C-alpha atoms as a PDB file:
ATOM      1  CA  UNK A   1     198.436  25.886 101.456  1.00  0.00           C
ATOM      2  CA  UNK A   2     200.877  25.568 104.355  1.00  0.00           C
ATOM      3  CA  UNK A   3     198.138  26.601 106.777  1.00  0.00           C
ATOM      4  CA  UNK A   4     195.350  24.345 105.606  1.00  0.00           C
ATOM      5  CA  UNK A   5     193.896  26.836 103.102  1.00  0.00           C
ATOM      6  CA  UNK A   6     192.899  29.093 106.008  1.00  0.00           C
ATOM      7  CA  UNK A   7     191.445  32.324 104.662  1.00  0.00           C
ATOM      8  CA  UNK A   8     191.616  33.844 108.161  1.00  0.00           C
ATOM      9  CA  UNK A   9     195.342  33.178 108.286  1.00  0.00           C
ATOM     10  CA  UNK A  10     195.738  34.917 104.925  1.00  0.00           C
ATOM     11  CA  UNK A  11     193.699  37.910 106.113  1.00  0.00           C
ATOM     12  CA  UNK A  12     195.773  38.147 109.293  1.00  0.00           C
ATOM     13  CA  UNK A  13     198.991  38.067 107.257  1.00  0.00           C
ATOM     14  CA  UNK A  14     197.708  40.856 105.015  1.00  0.00           C
ATOM     15  CA  UNK A  15     196.416  43.228 107.686  1.00  0.00           C
ATOM     16  CA  UNK A  16     199.567  42.860 109.796  1.00  0.00           C
ATOM     17  CA  UNK A  17     201.854  43.587 106.846  1.00  0.00           C
ATOM     18  CA  UNK A  18     203.914  46.785 106.679  1.00  0.00           C
ATOM     19  CA  UNK A  19     202.057  47.849 103.522  1.00  0.00           C
ATOM     20  CA  UNK A  20     198.613  47.528 105.108  1.00  0.00           C
ATOM     21  CA  UNK A  21     199.685  49.313 108.312  1.00  0.00           C
ATOM     22  CA  UNK A  22     200.865  52.457 106.517  1.00  0.00           C
ATOM     23  CA  UNK A  23     199.271  55.811 107.297  1.00  0.00           C
ATOM     24  CA  UNK A  24     197.648  57.967 104.630  1.00  0.00           C
ATOM     25  CA  UNK A  25     199.140  61.134 106.098  1.00  0.00           C
ATOM     26  CA  UNK A  26     201.992  62.702 104.154  1.00  0.00           C
ATOM     27  CA  UNK A  27     204.686  65.018 105.495  1.00  0.00           C
ATOM     28  CA  UNK A  28     206.088  66.990 102.529  1.00  0.00           C
ATOM     29  CA  UNK A  29     208.797  68.261 104.866  1.00  0.00           C
ATOM     30  CA  UNK A  30     210.317  64.793 105.175  1.00  0.00           C
ATOM     31  CA  UNK A  31     212.903  64.274 102.376  1.00  0.00           C
ATOM     32  CA  UNK A  32     211.852  60.672 101.668  1.00  0.00           C
ATOM     33  CA  UNK A  33     208.144  61.512 101.464  1.00  0.00           C
ATOM     34  CA  UNK A  34     208.778  64.631  99.393  1.00  0.00           C
ATOM     35  CA  UNK A  35     210.735  62.534  96.911  1.00  0.00           C
ATOM     36  CA  UNK A  36     208.003  59.897  96.761  1.00  0.00           C
ATOM     37  CA  UNK A  37     205.318  62.566  96.392  1.00  0.00           C
ATOM     38  CA  UNK A  38     207.166  64.098  93.468  1.00  0.00           C
ATOM     39  CA  UNK A  39     207.613  60.724  91.760  1.00  0.00           C
ATOM     40  CA  UNK A  40     204.140  59.271  92.426  1.00  0.00           C
ATOM     41  CA  UNK A  41     201.675  61.986  93.396  1.00  0.00           C
ATOM     42  CA  UNK A  42     198.648  59.769  92.704  1.00  0.00           C
ATOM     43  CA  UNK A  43     200.015  56.948  94.886  1.00  0.00           C
ATOM     44  CA  UNK A  44     199.783  54.350  92.133  1.00  0.00           C
ATOM     45  CA  UNK A  45     202.675  52.447  93.714  1.00  0.00           C
ATOM     46  CA  UNK A  46     201.024  52.465  97.167  1.00  0.00           C
ATOM     47  CA  UNK A  47     203.891  54.154  99.008  1.00  0.00           C
ATOM     48  CA  UNK A  48     201.314  55.360 101.536  1.00  0.00           C
ATOM     49  CA  UNK A  49     197.797  54.275 102.473  1.00  0.00           C
ATOM     50  CA  UNK A  50     194.779  55.703 100.714  1.00  0.00           C
ATOM     51  CA  UNK A  51     192.330  57.471 102.967  1.00  0.00           C
ATOM     52  CA  UNK A  52     189.040  55.591 102.968  1.00  0.00           C
ATOM     53  CA  UNK A  53     185.618  55.989 104.485  1.00  0.00           C
ATOM     54  CA  UNK A  54     184.043  53.319 106.611  1.00  0.00           C
ATOM     55  CA  UNK A  55     181.238  51.311 105.043  1.00  0.00           C
ATOM     56  CA  UNK A  56     177.778  51.645 106.563  1.00  0.00           C
ATOM     57  CA  UNK A  57     178.184  48.238 108.196  1.00  0.00           C
ATOM     58  CA  UNK A  58     181.422  49.234 109.930  1.00  0.00           C
ATOM     59  CA  UNK A  59     179.958  52.550 111.077  1.00  0.00           C
ATOM     60  CA  UNK A  60     176.948  50.809 112.609  1.00  0.00           C
ATOM     61  CA  UNK A  61     179.116  48.242 114.406  1.00  0.00           C
ATOM     62  CA  UNK A  62     181.396  50.976 115.717  1.00  0.00           C
ATOM     63  CA  UNK A  63     178.482  53.015 117.096  1.00  0.00           C
ATOM     64  CA  UNK A  64     177.045  49.959 118.817  1.00  0.00           C
ATOM     65  CA  UNK A  65     180.483  49.144 120.242  1.00  0.00           C
ATOM     66  CA  UNK A  66     180.899  52.621 121.697  1.00  0.00           C
ATOM     67  CA  UNK A  67     177.435  52.423 123.244  1.00  0.00           C
ATOM     68  CA  UNK A  68     178.337  49.067 124.822  1.00  0.00           C
ATOM     69  CA  UNK A  69     175.484  47.379 122.968  1.00  0.00           C
ATOM     70  CA  UNK A  70     177.176  45.355 120.221  1.00  0.00           C
ATOM     71  CA  UNK A  71     176.106  41.721 120.392  1.00  0.00           C
ATOM     72  CA  UNK A  72     179.064  39.547 119.235  1.00  0.00           C
ATOM     73  CA  UNK A  73     177.011  36.344 118.925  1.00  0.00           C
ATOM     74  CA  UNK A  74     177.921  34.433 115.785  1.00  0.00           C
ATOM     75  CA  UNK A  75     175.898  32.264 113.398  1.00  0.00           C
ATOM     76  CA  UNK A  76     172.185  31.568 113.590  1.00  0.00           C
ATOM     77  CA  UNK A  77     169.298  33.375 111.873  1.00  0.00           C
ATOM     78  CA  UNK A  78     169.735  36.847 110.400  1.00  0.00           C
ATOM     79  CA  UNK A  79     169.372  39.844 112.702  1.00  0.00           C
ATOM     80  CA  UNK A  80     166.413  42.140 112.059  1.00  0.00           C
ATOM     81  CA  UNK A  81     167.112  45.573 113.558  1.00  0.00           C
ATOM     82  CA  UNK A  82     164.365  48.093 114.146  1.00  0.00           C
ATOM     83  CA  UNK A  83     163.523  50.202 111.100  1.00  0.00           C
ATOM     84  CA  UNK A  84     162.179  53.769 110.973  1.00  0.00           C
ATOM     85  CA  UNK A  85     158.392  54.006 111.134  1.00  0.00           C
ATOM     86  CA  UNK A  86     156.467  53.820 107.859  1.00  0.00           C
ATOM     87  CA  UNK A  87     159.646  53.293 105.847  1.00  0.00           C
ATOM     88  CA  UNK A  88     158.300  50.793 103.286  1.00  0.00           C
ATOM     89  CA  UNK A  89     155.693  48.135 102.657  1.00  0.00           C
ATOM     90  CA  UNK A  90     158.632  45.705 102.470  1.00  0.00           C
ATOM     91  CA  UNK A  91     159.815  46.489 106.011  1.00  0.00           C
ATOM     92  CA  UNK A  92     160.552  43.516 108.258  1.00  0.00           C
ATOM     93  CA  UNK A  93     159.414  43.045 111.832  1.00  0.00           C
ATOM     94  CA  UNK A  94     162.292  43.653 114.275  1.00  0.00           C
ATOM     95  CA  UNK A  95     163.553  40.819 116.430  1.00  0.00           C
ATOM     96  CA  UNK A  96     161.509  40.408 119.606  1.00  0.00           C
ATOM     97  CA  UNK A  97     164.704  40.363 121.655  1.00  0.00           C
ATOM     98  CA  UNK A  98     166.293  43.855 121.448  1.00  0.00           C
ATOM     99  CA  UNK A  99     169.717  42.307 121.997  1.00  0.00           C
ATOM    100  CA  UNK A 100     169.336  40.295 118.785  1.00  0.00           C
ATOM    101  CA  UNK A 101     168.666  43.528 116.881  1.00  0.00           C
ATOM    102  CA  UNK A 102     172.162  44.715 117.791  1.00  0.00           C
ATOM    103  CA  UNK A 103     174.205  41.884 116.372  1.00  0.00           C
ATOM    104  CA  UNK A 104     177.066  42.695 114.022  1.00  0.00           C
ATOM    105  CA  UNK A 105     176.095  44.130 110.663  1.00  0.00           C
ATOM    106  CA  UNK A 106     177.323  41.092 108.756  1.00  0.00           C
ATOM    107  CA  UNK A 107     174.282  39.262 110.175  1.00  0.00           C
ATOM    108  CA  UNK A 108     171.675  41.938 109.337  1.00  0.00           C
ATOM    109  CA  UNK A 109     168.866  40.552 107.205  1.00  0.00           C
ATOM    110  CA  UNK A 110     169.375  41.264 103.492  1.00  0.00           C
ATOM    111  CA  UNK A 111     166.207  41.840 101.477  1.00  0.00           C
ATOM    112  CA  UNK A 112     166.491  42.922  97.874  1.00  0.00           C
ATOM    113  CA  UNK A 113     163.560  45.324  97.992  1.00  0.00           C
ATOM    114  CA  UNK A 114     164.264  46.691 101.478  1.00  0.00           C
ATOM    115  CA  UNK A 115     167.824  47.657 102.290  1.00  0.00           C
ATOM    116  CA  UNK A 116     168.753  48.807 105.783  1.00  0.00           C
ATOM    117  CA  UNK A 117     168.703  52.650 105.558  1.00  0.00           C
ATOM    118  CA  UNK A 118     172.177  53.257 107.014  1.00  0.00           C
ATOM    119  CA  UNK A 119     173.742  50.722 104.654  1.00  0.00           C
ATOM    120  CA  UNK A 120     171.747  52.048 101.712  1.00  0.00           C
ATOM    121  CA  UNK A 121     172.910  55.622 102.287  1.00  0.00           C
ATOM    122  CA  UNK A 122     176.529  54.514 102.467  1.00  0.00           C
ATOM    123  CA  UNK A 123     176.610  52.771  99.095  1.00  0.00           C
ATOM    124  CA  UNK A 124     175.364  49.258  99.781  1.00  0.00           C
ATOM    125  CA  UNK A 125     175.434  47.516  96.370  1.00  0.00           C
ATOM    126  CA  UNK A 126     172.230  46.891  94.457  1.00  0.00           C
ATOM    127  CA  UNK A 127     171.188  43.375  95.440  1.00  0.00           C
ATOM    128  CA  UNK A 128     169.608  42.677  92.057  1.00  0.00           C
ATOM    129  CA  UNK A 129     172.972  42.645  90.276  1.00  0.00           C
ATOM    130  CA  UNK A 130     176.452  41.348  90.944  1.00  0.00           C
ATOM    131  CA  UNK A 131     178.941  43.913  92.241  1.00  0.00           C
ATOM    132  CA  UNK A 132     182.692  43.510  91.767  1.00  0.00           C
ATOM    133  CA  UNK A 133     183.554  46.670  93.705  1.00  0.00           C
ATOM    134  CA  UNK A 134     181.538  49.106  95.781  1.00  0.00           C
ATOM    135  CA  UNK A 135     181.240  52.715  94.734  1.00  0.00           C
ATOM    136  CA  UNK A 136     181.962  55.418  97.288  1.00  0.00           C
ATOM    137  CA  UNK A 137     179.873  58.558  97.081  1.00  0.00           C
ATOM    138  CA  UNK A 138     179.540  61.662  99.222  1.00  0.00           C
ATOM    139  CA  UNK A 139     175.914  62.773  99.410  1.00  0.00           C
ATOM    140  CA  UNK A 140     173.671  64.944 101.558  1.00  0.00           C
ATOM    141  CA  UNK A 141     171.507  62.008 102.744  1.00  0.00           C
ATOM    142  CA  UNK A 142     174.558  60.468 104.408  1.00  0.00           C
ATOM    143  CA  UNK A 143     175.126  63.538 106.562  1.00  0.00           C
ATOM    144  CA  UNK A 144     171.410  63.976 107.244  1.00  0.00           C
ATOM    145  CA  UNK A 145     171.066  60.357 108.345  1.00  0.00           C
ATOM    146  CA  UNK A 146     174.054  60.572 110.700  1.00  0.00           C
ATOM    147  CA  UNK A 147     172.695  63.800 112.172  1.00  0.00           C
ATOM    148  CA  UNK A 148     169.018  62.972 112.467  1.00  0.00           C
ATOM    149  CA  UNK A 149     168.432  59.222 112.546  1.00  0.00           C
ATOM    150  CA  UNK A 150     167.026  57.697 115.713  1.00  0.00           C
ATOM    151  CA  UNK A 151     169.732  55.033 115.604  1.00  0.00           C
ATOM    152  CA  UNK A 152     172.601  57.539 115.777  1.00  0.00           C
ATOM    153  CA  UNK A 153     170.924  59.701 118.417  1.00  0.00           C
ATOM    154  CA  UNK A 154     170.101  56.710 120.616  1.00  0.00           C
ATOM    155  CA  UNK A 155     173.649  55.338 120.377  1.00  0.00           C
ATOM    156  CA  UNK A 156     175.115  58.711 121.328  1.00  0.00           C
ATOM    157  CA  UNK A 157     172.856  58.938 124.367  1.00  0.00           C
ATOM    158  CA  UNK A 158     173.562  55.365 125.447  1.00  0.00           C
ATOM    159  CA  UNK A 159     177.291  55.941 125.040  1.00  0.00           C
ATOM    160  CA  UNK A 160     177.111  59.126 127.116  1.00  0.00           C
ATOM    161  CA  UNK A 161     175.095  57.416 129.861  1.00  0.00           C
ATOM    162  CA  UNK A 162     177.632  54.589 130.079  1.00  0.00           C
ATOM    163  CA  UNK A 163     180.575  56.947 130.493  1.00  0.00           C
ATOM    164  CA  UNK A 164     178.813  59.146 133.049  1.00  0.00           C
ATOM    165  CA  UNK A 165     177.918  56.072 135.101  1.00  0.00           C
ATOM    166  CA  UNK A 166     181.610  55.292 135.599  1.00  0.00           C
ATOM    167  CA  UNK A 167     183.240  58.745 135.645  1.00  0.00           C
ATOM    168  CA  UNK A 168     182.386  61.811 137.718  1.00  0.00           C
ATOM    169  CA  UNK A 169     184.856  64.139 136.044  1.00  0.00           C
ATOM    170  CA  UNK A 170     183.614  65.708 132.813  1.00  0.00           C
ATOM    171  CA  UNK A 171     187.218  66.074 131.711  1.00  0.00           C
ATOM    172  CA  UNK A 172     187.694  62.304 132.021  1.00  0.00           C
ATOM    173  CA  UNK A 173     184.475  61.700 130.084  1.00  0.00           C
ATOM    174  CA  UNK A 174     185.549  64.039 127.287  1.00  0.00           C
ATOM    175  CA  UNK A 175     188.994  62.414 127.022  1.00  0.00           C
ATOM    176  CA  UNK A 176     187.455  58.926 127.033  1.00  0.00           C
ATOM    177  CA  UNK A 177     184.967  59.892 124.323  1.00  0.00           C
ATOM    178  CA  UNK A 178     187.701  61.203 122.040  1.00  0.00           C
ATOM    179  CA  UNK A 179     189.764  58.061 122.574  1.00  0.00           C
ATOM    180  CA  UNK A 180     186.830  55.760 121.914  1.00  0.00           C
ATOM    181  CA  UNK A 181     185.583  57.517 118.778  1.00  0.00           C
ATOM    182  CA  UNK A 182     188.851  58.504 117.152  1.00  0.00           C
ATOM    183  CA  UNK A 183     191.222  55.826 118.428  1.00  0.00           C
ATOM    184  CA  UNK A 184     193.796  58.262 119.784  1.00  0.00           C
ATOM    185  CA  UNK A 185     194.341  60.453 122.848  1.00  0.00           C
ATOM    186  CA  UNK A 186     192.869  63.932 122.578  1.00  0.00           C
ATOM    187  CA  UNK A 187     195.066  67.009 122.626  1.00  0.00           C
ATOM    188  CA  UNK A 188     194.687  69.569 125.398  1.00  0.00           C
ATOM    189  CA  UNK A 189     193.129  71.954 122.900  1.00  0.00           C
ATOM    190  CA  UNK A 190     190.521  69.354 121.879  1.00  0.00           C
ATOM    191  CA  UNK A 191     189.688  68.569 125.508  1.00  0.00           C
ATOM    192  CA  UNK A 192     189.291  72.278 126.183  1.00  0.00           C
ATOM    193  CA  UNK A 193     186.961  72.701 123.221  1.00  0.00           C
ATOM    194  CA  UNK A 194     184.958  69.668 124.315  1.00  0.00           C
ATOM    195  CA  UNK A 195     184.593  70.938 127.875  1.00  0.00           C
ATOM    196  CA  UNK A 196     183.560  74.353 126.625  1.00  0.00           C
ATOM    197  CA  UNK A 197     180.889  72.801 124.423  1.00  0.00           C
ATOM    198  CA  UNK A 198     179.542  70.572 127.215  1.00  0.00           C
ATOM    199  CA  UNK A 199     179.407  73.396 129.789  1.00  0.00           C
ATOM    200  CA  UNK A 200     177.589  75.600 127.287  1.00  0.00           C
ATOM    201  CA  UNK A 201     175.078  72.820 126.612  1.00  0.00           C
ATOM    202  CA  UNK A 202     174.541  72.213 130.339  1.00  0.00           C
ATOM    203  CA  UNK A 203     173.696  75.877 130.840  1.00  0.00           C
ATOM    204  CA  UNK A 204     170.964  75.694 128.193  1.00  0.00           C
ATOM    205  CA  UNK A 205     169.460  72.280 129.083  1.00  0.00           C
ATOM    206  CA  UNK A 206     166.757  71.297 131.606  1.00  0.00           C
ATOM    207  CA  UNK A 207     168.277  70.916 135.057  1.00  0.00           C
ATOM    208  CA  UNK A 208     167.263  67.289 135.586  1.00  0.00           C
ATOM    209  CA  UNK A 209     168.993  65.854 132.527  1.00  0.00           C
ATOM    210  CA  UNK A 210     171.397  68.669 131.674  1.00  0.00           C
ATOM    211  CA  UNK A 211     174.583  66.665 132.201  1.00  0.00           C
ATOM    212  CA  UNK A 212     173.433  63.643 130.181  1.00  0.00           C
ATOM    213  CA  UNK A 213     171.937  65.786 127.423  1.00  0.00           C
ATOM    214  CA  UNK A 214     175.146  67.801 127.061  1.00  0.00           C
ATOM    215  CA  UNK A 215     177.468  64.801 126.910  1.00  0.00           C
ATOM    216  CA  UNK A 216     175.113  63.002 124.507  1.00  0.00           C
ATOM    217  CA  UNK A 217     175.237  66.012 122.169  1.00  0.00           C
ATOM    218  CA  UNK A 218     179.031  65.975 122.364  1.00  0.00           C
ATOM    219  CA  UNK A 219     179.127  62.242 121.586  1.00  0.00           C
ATOM    220  CA  UNK A 220     176.752  62.823 118.695  1.00  0.00           C
ATOM    221  CA  UNK A 221     179.147  65.443 117.301  1.00  0.00           C
ATOM    222  CA  UNK A 222     182.064  62.993 117.521  1.00  0.00           C
ATOM    223  CA  UNK A 223     180.087  60.360 115.596  1.00  0.00           C
ATOM    224  CA  UNK A 224     179.595  62.870 112.789  1.00  0.00           C
ATOM    225  CA  UNK A 225     183.236  63.914 112.577  1.00  0.00           C
ATOM    226  CA  UNK A 226     185.373  62.869 109.625  1.00  0.00           C
ATOM    227  CA  UNK A 227     187.883  61.306 112.008  1.00  0.00           C
ATOM    228  CA  UNK A 228     185.209  58.823 113.068  1.00  0.00           C
ATOM    229  CA  UNK A 229     183.956  58.077 109.549  1.00  0.00           C
ATOM    230  CA  UNK A 230     187.311  57.877 107.773  1.00  0.00           C
ATOM    231  CA  UNK A 231     190.353  55.648 108.218  1.00  0.00           C
ATOM    232  CA  UNK A 232     193.661  57.497 107.926  1.00  0.00           C
END
């Protein structure tokens, strides 16, 4: 009430609170955490955060952000992103302007009989009924879609091309990719593993596009890692 019934102010207060900013990681070696773990193993009292997976909407926005393609434009008509070929008789025509197709997921067109595949796989509620709380499942189609969908593959390649355009050093590209996808600096071991993977891919790729192909494959692997899909 003191801030004009601003819901945004309330959200800001909540997400900046000490409770919301907790980590889900537990160190049983720490006396305080060991005591809390013994008293409340199921975390009913919220003494640490609960690990959660990103929704399909957040995953899509994050991939577009990494690729440098996310359109932040607000309001206006719904966005109609491109759909896989021959997906359904209810499929919509994509926006004529490709940039409009890449607006934030909150603006993606919602049709009851045709749900956007990425959102559908990651537990988008049934639009024919009210939904008080989303379910969270772990299914094979989720992994298959992240591995094989044109959307994910194209974002990985676009992301790789953007980094290679600004950095000559593969080590810098690998470190930047880790930081962008996982929100933290990579360890030396992780950078070494990444470089080893990229050099191996370069050796087995066509000479003309070997560097881009290798980095795109590495970016694709990062997008499929749990550290990208889950919030700790």
